Each structure stands twice: as C-alpha cells, then as structure tokens.
PDB file of all heavy atoms in Angstrom:
ATOM      1  N   ILE A   1      -9.715 123.339  39.036  1.00  0.00           N
ATOM      2  CA  ILE A   1      -9.701 121.936  39.633  1.00  0.00           C
ATOM      3  C   ILE A   1      -8.405 121.870  40.449  1.00  0.00           C
ATOM      4  O   ILE A   1      -7.307 122.042  40.002  1.00  0.00           O
ATOM      5  CB  ILE A   1      -9.643 120.869  38.450  1.00  0.00           C
ATOM      6  CG1 ILE A   1     -10.775 121.001  37.483  1.00  0.00           C
ATOM      7  CG2 ILE A   1      -9.543 119.481  39.027  1.00  0.00           C
ATOM      8  CD1 ILE A   1     -10.678 120.155  36.309  1.00  0.00           C
ATOM      9  N   ILE A   2      -8.685 121.520  41.708  1.00  0.00           N
ATOM     10  CA  ILE A   2      -7.504 121.379  42.679  1.00  0.00           C
ATOM     11  C   ILE A   2      -7.583 119.935  43.100  1.00  0.00           C
ATOM     12  O   ILE A   2      -8.448 119.558  43.828  1.00  0.00           O
ATOM     13  CB  ILE A   2      -7.673 122.367  43.776  1.00  0.00           C
ATOM     14  CG1 ILE A   2      -7.622 123.778  43.335  1.00  0.00           C
ATOM     15  CG2 ILE A   2      -6.515 122.061  44.778  1.00  0.00           C
ATOM     16  CD1 ILE A   2      -7.901 124.804  44.363  1.00  0.00           C
ATOM     17  N   ASP A   3      -6.616 119.122  42.611  1.00  0.00           N
ATOM     18  CA  ASP A   3      -6.595 117.699  42.892  1.00  0.00           C
ATOM     19  C   ASP A   3      -5.123 117.292  42.856  1.00  0.00           C
ATOM     20  O   ASP A   3      -4.399 117.467  41.898  1.00  0.00           O
ATOM     21  CB  ASP A   3      -7.349 116.977  41.880  1.00  0.00           C
ATOM     22  CG  ASP A   3      -7.541 115.498  42.151  1.00  0.00           C
ATOM     23  OD1 ASP A   3      -6.657 114.912  42.727  1.00  0.00           O
ATOM     24  OD2 ASP A   3      -8.618 114.976  41.821  1.00  0.00           O
ATOM     25  N   SER A   4      -4.641 116.689  43.937  1.00  0.00           N
ATOM     26  CA  SER A   4      -3.203 116.335  44.041  1.00  0.00           C
ATOM     27  C   SER A   4      -2.835 115.322  42.969  1.00  0.00           C
ATOM     28  O   SER A   4      -1.620 115.136  42.607  1.00  0.00           O
ATOM     29  CB  SER A   4      -2.883 115.789  45.423  1.00  0.00           C
ATOM     30  OG  SER A   4      -3.610 114.669  45.703  1.00  0.00           O
ATOM     31  N   SER A   5      -3.809 114.585  42.415  1.00  0.00           N
ATOM     32  CA  SER A   5      -3.446 113.580  41.385  1.00  0.00           C
ATOM     33  C   SER A   5      -2.946 114.188  40.172  1.00  0.00           C
ATOM     34  O   SER A   5      -2.357 113.462  39.257  1.00  0.00           O
ATOM     35  CB  SER A   5      -4.660 112.704  41.125  1.00  0.00           C
ATOM     36  OG  SER A   5      -5.711 113.393  40.462  1.00  0.00           O
ATOM     37  N   LEU A   6      -3.184 115.499  39.951  1.00  0.00           N
ATOM     38  CA  LEU A   6      -2.700 116.165  38.745  1.00  0.00           C
ATOM     39  C   LEU A   6      -1.286 116.732  38.871  1.00  0.00           C
ATOM     40  O   LEU A   6      -0.738 117.265  37.917  1.00  0.00           O
ATOM     41  CB  LEU A   6      -3.628 117.346  38.463  1.00  0.00           C
ATOM     42  CG  LEU A   6      -5.115 116.871  38.166  1.00  0.00           C
ATOM     43  CD1 LEU A   6      -6.064 118.189  38.054  1.00  0.00           C
ATOM     44  CD2 LEU A   6      -5.148 116.052  36.958  1.00  0.00           C
ATOM     45  N   GLU A   7      -0.674 116.602  40.084  1.00  0.00           N
ATOM     46  CA  GLU A   7       0.704 117.154  40.298  1.00  0.00           C
ATOM     47  C   GLU A   7       1.705 116.503  39.402  1.00  0.00           C
ATOM     48  O   GLU A   7       2.685 117.117  38.976  1.00  0.00           O
ATOM     49  CB  GLU A   7       1.019 116.963  41.771  1.00  0.00           C
ATOM     50  CG  GLU A   7       0.241 117.909  42.640  1.00  0.00           C
ATOM     51  CD  GLU A   7       0.552 117.658  44.098  1.00  0.00           C
ATOM     52  OE1 GLU A   7       1.429 116.838  44.467  1.00  0.00           O
ATOM     53  OE2 GLU A   7      -0.112 118.351  44.920  1.00  0.00           O
ATOM     54  N   ASP A   8       1.536 115.159  39.042  1.00  0.00           N
ATOM     55  CA  ASP A   8       2.491 114.532  38.116  1.00  0.00           C
ATOM     56  C   ASP A   8       2.533 115.231  36.829  1.00  0.00           C
ATOM     57  O   ASP A   8       3.633 115.366  36.219  1.00  0.00           O
ATOM     58  CB  ASP A   8       2.073 113.023  37.979  1.00  0.00           C
ATOM     59  CG  ASP A   8       2.563 112.166  39.043  1.00  0.00           C
ATOM     60  OD1 ASP A   8       3.349 112.598  39.910  1.00  0.00           O
ATOM     61  OD2 ASP A   8       2.015 110.988  39.132  1.00  0.00           O
ATOM     62  N   ILE A   9       1.423 115.693  36.342  1.00  0.00           N
ATOM     63  CA  ILE A   9       1.339 116.368  35.058  1.00  0.00           C
ATOM     64  C   ILE A   9       2.099 117.600  35.087  1.00  0.00           C
ATOM     65  O   ILE A   9       2.965 117.933  34.220  1.00  0.00           O
ATOM     66  CB  ILE A   9      -0.109 116.644  34.617  1.00  0.00           C
ATOM     67  CG1 ILE A   9      -0.717 115.221  34.300  1.00  0.00           C
ATOM     68  CG2 ILE A   9      -0.147 117.459  33.306  1.00  0.00           C
ATOM     69  CD1 ILE A   9      -2.245 115.253  34.143  1.00  0.00           C
ATOM     70  N   THR A  10       1.883 118.513  36.067  1.00  0.00           N
ATOM     71  CA  THR A  10       2.513 119.708  36.263  1.00  0.00           C
ATOM     72  C   THR A  10       4.076 119.535  36.448  1.00  0.00           C
ATOM     73  O   THR A  10       4.905 120.376  35.998  1.00  0.00           O
ATOM     74  CB  THR A  10       1.927 120.596  37.265  1.00  0.00           C
ATOM     75  OG1 THR A  10       1.996 119.934  38.574  1.00  0.00           O
ATOM     76  CG2 THR A  10       0.488 121.004  36.886  1.00  0.00           C
ATOM     77  N   TYR A  11       4.418 118.466  37.213  1.00  0.00           N
ATOM     78  CA  TYR A  11       5.848 118.252  37.400  1.00  0.00           C
ATOM     79  C   TYR A  11       6.577 117.834  36.123  1.00  0.00           C
ATOM     80  O   TYR A  11       7.673 118.242  35.863  1.00  0.00           O
ATOM     81  CB  TYR A  11       6.112 117.177  38.502  1.00  0.00           C
ATOM     82  CG  TYR A  11       7.522 117.094  38.853  1.00  0.00           C
ATOM     83  CD1 TYR A  11       8.038 117.975  39.847  1.00  0.00           C
ATOM     84  CD2 TYR A  11       8.431 116.119  38.260  1.00  0.00           C
ATOM     85  CE1 TYR A  11       9.380 117.867  40.252  1.00  0.00           C
ATOM     86  CE2 TYR A  11       9.688 116.062  38.692  1.00  0.00           C
ATOM     87  CZ  TYR A  11      10.220 116.968  39.607  1.00  0.00           C
ATOM     88  OH  TYR A  11      11.570 116.918  39.903  1.00  0.00           O
ATOM     89  N   VAL A  12       5.916 117.078  35.294  1.00  0.00           N
ATOM     90  CA  VAL A  12       6.510 116.691  33.985  1.00  0.00           C
ATOM     91  C   VAL A  12       6.675 117.935  33.110  1.00  0.00           C
ATOM     92  O   VAL A  12       7.697 118.111  32.455  1.00  0.00           O
ATOM     93  CB  VAL A  12       5.665 115.629  33.260  1.00  0.00           C
ATOM     94  CG1 VAL A  12       6.074 115.491  31.803  1.00  0.00           C
ATOM     95  CG2 VAL A  12       5.754 114.339  33.971  1.00  0.00           C
ATOM     96  N   LEU A  13       5.710 118.874  33.218  1.00  0.00           N
ATOM     97  CA  LEU A  13       5.897 120.141  32.418  1.00  0.00           C
ATOM     98  C   LEU A  13       6.960 121.051  32.951  1.00  0.00           C
ATOM     99  O   LEU A  13       7.633 121.735  32.176  1.00  0.00           O
ATOM    100  CB  LEU A  13       4.545 120.915  32.383  1.00  0.00           C
ATOM    101  CG  LEU A  13       3.481 120.182  31.558  1.00  0.00           C
ATOM    102  CD1 LEU A  13       2.082 120.896  31.734  1.00  0.00           C
ATOM    103  CD2 LEU A  13       3.800 120.112  30.075  1.00  0.00           C
ATOM    104  N   LYS A  14       7.096 121.082  34.260  1.00  0.00           N
ATOM    105  CA  LYS A  14       8.106 121.990  34.847  1.00  0.00           C
ATOM    106  C   LYS A  14       8.757 121.333  36.093  1.00  0.00           C
ATOM    107  O   LYS A  14       8.486 121.613  37.190  1.00  0.00           O
ATOM    108  CB  LYS A  14       7.318 123.261  35.290  1.00  0.00           C
ATOM    109  CG  LYS A  14       8.316 124.322  35.666  1.00  0.00           C
ATOM    110  CD  LYS A  14       7.587 125.740  35.750  1.00  0.00           C
ATOM    111  CE  LYS A  14       8.548 126.719  36.322  1.00  0.00           C
ATOM    112  NZ  LYS A  14       9.581 127.079  35.551  1.00  0.00           N
ATOM    113  N   PRO A  15       9.709 120.340  35.709  1.00  0.00           N
ATOM    114  CA  PRO A  15      10.414 119.694  36.821  1.00  0.00           C
ATOM    115  C   PRO A  15      11.283 120.668  37.556  1.00  0.00           C
ATOM    116  O   PRO A  15      11.811 121.526  36.986  1.00  0.00           O
ATOM    117  CB  PRO A  15      11.181 118.595  36.161  1.00  0.00           C
ATOM    118  CG  PRO A  15      11.028 118.775  34.692  1.00  0.00           C
ATOM    119  CD  PRO A  15      10.083 119.880  34.412  1.00  0.00           C
ATOM    120  N   THR A  16      11.406 120.399  38.872  1.00  0.00           N
ATOM    121  CA  THR A  16      12.287 121.242  39.702  1.00  0.00           C
ATOM    122  C   THR A  16      13.207 120.303  40.423  1.00  0.00           C
ATOM    123  O   THR A  16      12.985 119.195  40.753  1.00  0.00           O
ATOM    124  CB  THR A  16      11.408 122.077  40.672  1.00  0.00           C
ATOM    125  OG1 THR A  16      10.635 121.199  41.475  1.00  0.00           O
ATOM    126  CG2 THR A  16      10.574 123.097  39.985  1.00  0.00           C
ATOM    127  N   PHE A  17      14.409 120.905  40.751  1.00  0.00           N
ATOM    128  CA  PHE A  17      15.485 120.147  41.445  1.00  0.00           C
ATOM    129  C   PHE A  17      16.021 120.984  42.529  1.00  0.00           C
ATOM    130  O   PHE A  17      16.195 122.184  42.423  1.00  0.00           O
ATOM    131  CB  PHE A  17      16.599 119.844  40.500  1.00  0.00           C
ATOM    132  CG  PHE A  17      16.264 118.858  39.330  1.00  0.00           C
ATOM    133  CD1 PHE A  17      15.549 119.294  38.260  1.00  0.00           C
ATOM    134  CD2 PHE A  17      16.512 117.491  39.504  1.00  0.00           C
ATOM    135  CE1 PHE A  17      15.119 118.430  37.246  1.00  0.00           C
ATOM    136  CE2 PHE A  17      16.143 116.616  38.474  1.00  0.00           C
ATOM    137  CZ  PHE A  17      15.508 117.096  37.361  1.00  0.00           C
ATOM    138  N   THR A  18      16.164 120.322  43.740  1.00  0.00           N
ATOM    139  CA  THR A  18      16.809 120.981  44.822  1.00  0.00           C
ATOM    140  C   THR A  18      18.342 120.801  44.771  1.00  0.00           C
ATOM    141  O   THR A  18      18.802 119.858  44.068  1.00  0.00           O
ATOM    142  CB  THR A  18      16.298 120.439  46.218  1.00  0.00           C
ATOM    143  OG1 THR A  18      16.735 119.056  46.252  1.00  0.00           O
ATOM    144  CG2 THR A  18      14.778 120.514  46.275  1.00  0.00           C
ATOM    145  N   ALA A  19      19.075 121.585  45.450  1.00  0.00           N
ATOM    146  CA  ALA A  19      20.518 121.451  45.509  1.00  0.00           C
ATOM    147  C   ALA A  19      20.852 120.037  45.992  1.00  0.00           C
ATOM    148  O   ALA A  19      21.867 119.423  45.546  1.00  0.00           O
ATOM    149  CB  ALA A  19      21.151 122.559  46.321  1.00  0.00           C
ATOM    150  N   GLN A  20      20.146 119.529  47.040  1.00  0.00           N
ATOM    151  CA  GLN A  20      20.488 118.210  47.568  1.00  0.00           C
ATOM    152  C   GLN A  20      20.234 117.146  46.497  1.00  0.00           C
ATOM    153  O   GLN A  20      21.017 116.223  46.431  1.00  0.00           O
ATOM    154  CB  GLN A  20      19.502 117.927  48.716  1.00  0.00           C
ATOM    155  CG  GLN A  20      19.813 118.826  49.994  1.00  0.00           C
ATOM    156  CD  GLN A  20      19.105 120.207  49.814  1.00  0.00           C
ATOM    157  OE1 GLN A  20      18.340 120.475  48.895  1.00  0.00           O
ATOM    158  NE2 GLN A  20      19.490 121.067  50.716  1.00  0.00           N
ATOM    159  N   HIS A  21      19.152 117.240  45.711  1.00  0.00           N
ATOM    160  CA  HIS A  21      18.835 116.259  44.758  1.00  0.00           C
ATOM    161  C   HIS A  21      19.959 116.299  43.633  1.00  0.00           C
ATOM    162  O   HIS A  21      20.380 115.198  43.219  1.00  0.00           O
ATOM    163  CB  HIS A  21      17.457 116.574  44.063  1.00  0.00           C
ATOM    164  CG  HIS A  21      17.064 115.470  43.067  1.00  0.00           C
ATOM    165  ND1 HIS A  21      16.266 115.717  41.959  1.00  0.00           N
ATOM    166  CD2 HIS A  21      17.335 114.180  43.009  1.00  0.00           C
ATOM    167  CE1 HIS A  21      16.154 114.723  41.213  1.00  0.00           C
ATOM    168  NE2 HIS A  21      16.745 113.701  41.867  1.00  0.00           N
ATOM    169  N   ILE A  22      20.344 117.422  43.253  1.00  0.00           N
ATOM    170  CA  ILE A  22      21.435 117.562  42.236  1.00  0.00           C
ATOM    171  C   ILE A  22      22.697 116.996  42.706  1.00  0.00           C
ATOM    172  O   ILE A  22      23.384 116.325  41.952  1.00  0.00           O
ATOM    173  CB  ILE A  22      21.628 119.040  41.791  1.00  0.00           C
ATOM    174  CG1 ILE A  22      20.321 119.593  41.102  1.00  0.00           C
ATOM    175  CG2 ILE A  22      22.779 119.251  40.956  1.00  0.00           C
ATOM    176  CD1 ILE A  22      20.258 121.042  40.896  1.00  0.00           C
ATOM    177  N   ALA A  23      23.027 117.135  43.973  1.00  0.00           N
ATOM    178  CA  ALA A  23      24.256 116.626  44.564  1.00  0.00           C
ATOM    179  C   ALA A  23      24.313 115.097  44.557  1.00  0.00           C
ATOM    180  O   ALA A  23      25.388 114.470  44.492  1.00  0.00           O
ATOM    181  CB  ALA A  23      24.449 117.172  46.001  1.00  0.00           C
ATOM    182  N   GLN A  24      23.083 114.481  44.576  1.00  0.00           N
ATOM    183  CA  GLN A  24      23.021 113.042  44.538  1.00  0.00           C
ATOM    184  C   GLN A  24      23.028 112.380  43.197  1.00  0.00           C
ATOM    185  O   GLN A  24      23.126 111.129  43.113  1.00  0.00           O
ATOM    186  CB  GLN A  24      21.726 112.607  45.328  1.00  0.00           C
ATOM    187  CG  GLN A  24      21.825 112.954  46.823  1.00  0.00           C
ATOM    188  CD  GLN A  24      22.925 112.251  47.567  1.00  0.00           C
ATOM    189  OE1 GLN A  24      23.165 111.026  47.444  1.00  0.00           O
ATOM    190  NE2 GLN A  24      23.713 113.011  48.320  1.00  0.00           N
ATOM    191  N   LEU A  25      22.841 113.095  42.177  1.00  0.00           N
ATOM    192  CA  LEU A  25      22.682 112.599  40.816  1.00  0.00           C
ATOM    193  C   LEU A  25      23.755 111.617  40.435  1.00  0.00           C
ATOM    194  O   LEU A  25      23.436 110.528  39.827  1.00  0.00           O
ATOM    195  CB  LEU A  25      22.565 113.704  39.772  1.00  0.00           C
ATOM    196  CG  LEU A  25      21.253 114.504  39.736  1.00  0.00           C
ATOM    197  CD1 LEU A  25      21.286 115.542  38.760  1.00  0.00           C
ATOM    198  CD2 LEU A  25      20.071 113.551  39.531  1.00  0.00           C
ATOM    199  N   ASP A  26      25.001 111.928  40.663  1.00  0.00           N
ATOM    200  CA  ASP A  26      26.071 110.997  40.276  1.00  0.00           C
ATOM    201  C   ASP A  26      26.446 109.983  41.335  1.00  0.00           C
ATOM    202  O   ASP A  26      27.217 109.158  41.061  1.00  0.00           O
ATOM    203  CB  ASP A  26      27.319 111.911  39.919  1.00  0.00           C
ATOM    204  CG  ASP A  26      27.058 112.755  38.720  1.00  0.00           C
ATOM    205  OD1 ASP A  26      26.371 112.336  37.828  1.00  0.00           O
ATOM    206  OD2 ASP A  26      27.594 113.874  38.663  1.00  0.00           O
ATOM    207  N   LYS A  27      25.878 110.107  42.504  1.00  0.00           N
ATOM    208  CA  LYS A  27      26.171 109.185  43.585  1.00  0.00           C
ATOM    209  C   LYS A  27      25.285 107.886  43.628  1.00  0.00           C
ATOM    210  O   LYS A  27      25.715 106.903  44.073  1.00  0.00           O
ATOM    211  CB  LYS A  27      26.128 109.862  44.949  1.00  0.00           C
ATOM    212  CG  LYS A  27      27.120 110.954  45.026  1.00  0.00           C
ATOM    213  CD  LYS A  27      27.063 111.719  46.377  1.00  0.00           C
ATOM    214  CE  LYS A  27      28.179 112.833  46.375  1.00  0.00           C
ATOM    215  NZ  LYS A  27      27.901 113.820  47.346  1.00  0.00           N
ATOM    216  N   GLN A  28      24.062 108.126  43.132  1.00  0.00           N
ATOM    217  CA  GLN A  28      23.182 106.986  43.071  1.00  0.00           C
ATOM    218  C   GLN A  28      22.389 106.949  41.804  1.00  0.00           C
ATOM    219  O   GLN A  28      21.611 107.837  41.503  1.00  0.00           O
ATOM    220  CB  GLN A  28      22.261 106.989  44.287  1.00  0.00           C
ATOM    221  CG  GLN A  28      21.437 108.252  44.501  1.00  0.00           C
ATOM    222  CD  GLN A  28      20.501 108.255  45.634  1.00  0.00           C
ATOM    223  OE1 GLN A  28      20.414 107.245  46.334  1.00  0.00           O
ATOM    224  NE2 GLN A  28      19.843 109.334  45.939  1.00  0.00           N
ATOM    225  N   ALA A  29      22.568 105.916  41.066  1.00  0.00           N
ATOM    226  CA  ALA A  29      21.845 105.722  39.814  1.00  0.00           C
ATOM    227  C   ALA A  29      20.627 104.944  40.150  1.00  0.00           C
ATOM    228  O   ALA A  29      20.642 103.741  40.502  1.00  0.00           O
ATOM    229  CB  ALA A  29      22.689 104.998  38.776  1.00  0.00           C
ATOM    230  N   LYS A  30      19.451 105.627  40.024  1.00  0.00           N
ATOM    231  CA  LYS A  30      18.176 104.994  40.390  1.00  0.00           C
ATOM    232  C   LYS A  30      17.320 104.947  39.201  1.00  0.00           C
ATOM    233  O   LYS A  30      17.011 105.982  38.552  1.00  0.00           O
ATOM    234  CB  LYS A  30      17.504 105.796  41.495  1.00  0.00           C
ATOM    235  CG  LYS A  30      16.213 105.159  41.967  1.00  0.00           C
ATOM    236  CD  LYS A  30      15.614 105.898  43.093  1.00  0.00           C
ATOM    237  CE  LYS A  30      14.230 105.383  43.471  1.00  0.00           C
ATOM    238  NZ  LYS A  30      13.511 106.221  44.413  1.00  0.00           N
ATOM    239  N   LEU A  31      16.858 103.769  38.783  1.00  0.00           N
ATOM    240  CA  LEU A  31      15.984 103.579  37.649  1.00  0.00           C
ATOM    241  C   LEU A  31      14.590 104.270  37.910  1.00  0.00           C
ATOM    242  O   LEU A  31      14.157 104.120  39.045  1.00  0.00           O
ATOM    243  CB  LEU A  31      15.811 102.238  37.230  1.00  0.00           C
ATOM    244  CG  LEU A  31      17.003 101.505  36.583  1.00  0.00           C
ATOM    245  CD1 LEU A  31      16.779 100.085  36.328  1.00  0.00           C
ATOM    246  CD2 LEU A  31      17.352 102.209  35.150  1.00  0.00           C
ATOM    247  N   SER A  32      14.055 104.851  36.947  1.00  0.00           N
ATOM    248  CA  SER A  32      12.684 105.375  37.027  1.00  0.00           C
ATOM    249  C   SER A  32      11.797 104.563  36.080  1.00  0.00           C
ATOM    250  O   SER A  32      12.213 103.995  35.160  1.00  0.00           O
ATOM    251  CB  SER A  32      12.665 106.845  36.683  1.00  0.00           C
ATOM    252  OG  SER A  32      13.381 107.662  37.539  1.00  0.00           O
ATOM    253  N   ARG A  33      10.493 104.604  36.380  1.00  0.00           N
ATOM    254  CA  ARG A  33       9.548 103.902  35.575  1.00  0.00           C
ATOM    255  C   ARG A  33       8.620 104.882  34.888  1.00  0.00           C
ATOM    256  O   ARG A  33       8.022 105.728  35.515  1.00  0.00           O
ATOM    257  CB  ARG A  33       8.700 102.956  36.399  1.00  0.00           C
ATOM    258  CG  ARG A  33       7.710 102.049  35.577  1.00  0.00           C
ATOM    259  CD  ARG A  33       7.076 101.020  36.387  1.00  0.00           C
ATOM    260  NE  ARG A  33       8.055 100.127  37.082  1.00  0.00           N
ATOM    261  CZ  ARG A  33       8.707  99.102  36.566  1.00  0.00           C
ATOM    262  NH1 ARG A  33       8.613  98.870  35.245  1.00  0.00           N
ATOM    263  NH2 ARG A  33       9.527  98.383  37.289  1.00  0.00           N
ATOM    264  N   ALA A  34       8.572 104.791  33.604  1.00  0.00           N
ATOM    265  CA  ALA A  34       7.655 105.624  32.717  1.00  0.00           C
ATOM    266  C   ALA A  34       6.235 105.210  32.853  1.00  0.00           C
ATOM    267  O   ALA A  34       5.994 104.052  33.285  1.00  0.00           O
ATOM    268  CB  ALA A  34       8.232 105.633  31.281  1.00  0.00           C
ATOM    269  N   TYR A  35       5.368 105.969  32.325  1.00  0.00           N
ATOM    270  CA  TYR A  35       3.928 105.662  32.396  1.00  0.00           C
ATOM    271  C   TYR A  35       3.614 104.365  31.674  1.00  0.00           C
ATOM    272  O   TYR A  35       2.743 103.588  32.056  1.00  0.00           O
ATOM    273  CB  TYR A  35       3.155 106.854  31.780  1.00  0.00           C
ATOM    274  CG  TYR A  35       1.639 106.684  31.835  1.00  0.00           C
ATOM    275  CD1 TYR A  35       1.079 106.849  33.063  1.00  0.00           C
ATOM    276  CD2 TYR A  35       0.919 106.427  30.714  1.00  0.00           C
ATOM    277  CE1 TYR A  35      -0.332 106.717  33.172  1.00  0.00           C
ATOM    278  CE2 TYR A  35      -0.467 106.300  30.854  1.00  0.00           C
ATOM    279  CZ  TYR A  35      -1.134 106.431  32.069  1.00  0.00           C
ATOM    280  OH  TYR A  35      -2.420 106.296  32.147  1.00  0.00           O
ATOM    281  N   ASP A  36       4.327 104.105  30.539  1.00  0.00           N
ATOM    282  CA  ASP A  36       4.173 102.877  29.861  1.00  0.00           C
ATOM    283  C   ASP A  36       4.774 101.631  30.399  1.00  0.00           C
ATOM    284  O   ASP A  36       4.701 100.550  29.806  1.00  0.00           O
ATOM    285  CB  ASP A  36       4.484 103.053  28.366  1.00  0.00           C
ATOM    286  CG  ASP A  36       6.004 103.257  28.216  1.00  0.00           C
ATOM    287  OD1 ASP A  36       6.676 103.318  29.222  1.00  0.00           O
ATOM    288  OD2 ASP A  36       6.456 103.460  26.993  1.00  0.00           O
TER     289      ASP A  36
END
C-alpha cells in the first residue's frame, strides 16, 4: 500500500531530524498537537 496519508505513522515509529531542525530546538518553543 503506497499512500502518503500513512507517512505520519512511519514518522512516529522512526522520527528523523535534520541539523537545521536540531539547531532550532532551543530557539523556538513550538507546541505540537497530539492525535487526541
């Protein structure tokens, strides 16, 4: 099954971070919303 709607599931199982994203972690606190 190839469907882009399933990408959230695979990302939760194996999240990846770029160097740019890591550099921003302490500079901007951004709230995330969980499924619930």
